[in-house]
Amino acid sequence: MTDPNMVRQTLADFSDAGVIAVWAKEAMAYLVEAGIISVSNGKLMPNNTTTRAEMAQVLHNLLSKKPYTSTFHKVRIP
């Protein structure tokens, strides 16, 4: 679960945010701002392959959020 004392981050906090595909930016912004994804060495590394363990952690973090109060349902997929 996400630490409530954690400093909230945005995509602008990461030097490699500019290489996120246009279609994925809104969803990535949500995942970063909600603290669902973590970073490595201050980078999101959007062009790297996600491991099974990393994806399992993302799903755990997403499903552990307090009763679905997120705005994730507002993300539009072109």
Protein backbone atom coordinates (compact mmCIF):
# COMPACT_ATOMS: atom_id res chain seq x y z
CA MET A 1 0.00 0.00 0.00
CA THR A 2 1.14 3.54 -0.61
CA ASP A 3 2.61 5.52 2.28
CA PRO A 4 0.28 8.47 3.01
CA ASN A 5 3.30 10.58 4.03
CA MET A 6 4.99 10.02 0.69
CA VAL A 7 5.65 13.12 -1.41
CA ARG A 8 3.36 13.10 -4.44
CA GLN A 9 5.16 13.09 -7.75
CA THR A 10 4.10 14.02 -11.26
CA LEU A 11 5.43 13.06 -14.68
CA ALA A 12 7.29 16.37 -14.77
CA ASP A 13 9.52 15.06 -11.96
CA PHE A 14 11.15 12.52 -14.27
CA SER A 15 13.73 13.27 -16.93
CA ASP A 16 12.50 10.48 -19.20
CA ALA A 17 8.79 11.41 -19.11
CA GLY A 18 9.13 12.90 -22.59
CA VAL A 19 9.62 9.46 -24.14
CA ILE A 20 6.28 8.10 -22.88
CA ALA A 21 4.02 7.34 -25.83
CA VAL A 22 1.24 9.87 -26.34
CA TRP A 23 -1.44 7.21 -25.87
CA ALA A 24 0.03 6.20 -22.48
CA LYS A 25 0.75 9.62 -20.93
CA GLU A 26 -2.58 10.12 -19.17
CA ALA A 27 -2.54 6.65 -17.61
CA MET A 28 1.12 6.97 -16.62
CA ALA A 29 0.39 10.35 -15.02
CA TYR A 30 -2.35 8.75 -12.93
CA LEU A 31 -0.15 5.81 -11.88
CA VAL A 32 2.69 8.14 -10.84
CA GLU A 33 0.48 10.67 -9.04
CA ALA A 34 -1.39 7.92 -7.18
CA GLY A 35 1.89 6.32 -6.08
CA ILE A 36 1.02 3.06 -7.81
CA ILE A 37 4.23 2.78 -9.76
CA SER A 38 7.69 3.30 -8.38
CA VAL A 39 10.79 4.40 -10.19
CA SER A 40 14.36 3.29 -10.58
CA ASN A 41 17.13 5.87 -10.14
CA GLY A 42 14.66 8.71 -10.62
CA LYS A 43 13.54 7.44 -14.01
CA LEU A 44 10.32 5.83 -15.19
CA MET A 45 12.08 3.89 -17.96
CA PRO A 46 8.98 3.68 -20.19
CA ASN A 47 10.86 1.95 -23.01
CA ASN A 48 12.08 -0.93 -20.85
CA THR A 49 10.34 -4.28 -20.65
CA THR A 50 8.34 -4.81 -17.46
CA THR A 51 9.18 -7.97 -15.53
CA ARG A 52 6.52 -10.27 -14.13
CA ALA A 53 7.49 -9.20 -10.60
CA GLU A 54 7.22 -5.50 -11.46
CA MET A 55 3.78 -5.99 -13.01
CA ALA A 56 2.65 -8.03 -10.01
CA GLN A 57 3.70 -5.15 -7.73
CA VAL A 58 1.84 -2.60 -9.88
CA LEU A 59 -1.32 -4.73 -9.79
CA HIS A 60 -0.98 -5.21 -6.04
CA ASN A 61 -0.56 -1.47 -5.51
CA LEU A 62 -3.50 -0.70 -7.78
CA LEU A 63 -5.83 -3.22 -6.15
CA SER A 64 -4.75 -2.20 -2.64
CA LYS A 65 -5.98 1.37 -3.08
CA LYS A 66 -8.79 2.35 -0.72
CA PRO A 67 -12.21 1.45 -2.15
CA TYR A 68 -11.91 2.57 -5.71
CA THR A 69 -11.96 6.30 -5.15
CA SER A 70 -9.57 6.89 -8.02
CA THR A 71 -10.22 8.82 -11.20
CA PHE A 72 -8.63 6.10 -13.31
CA HIS A 73 -11.95 5.39 -15.00
CA LYS A 74 -11.71 8.84 -16.61
CA VAL A 75 -8.66 7.89 -18.69
CA ARG A 76 -9.63 7.92 -22.35
CA ILE A 77 -8.02 5.45 -24.74
CA PRO A 78 -7.86 6.83 -28.29
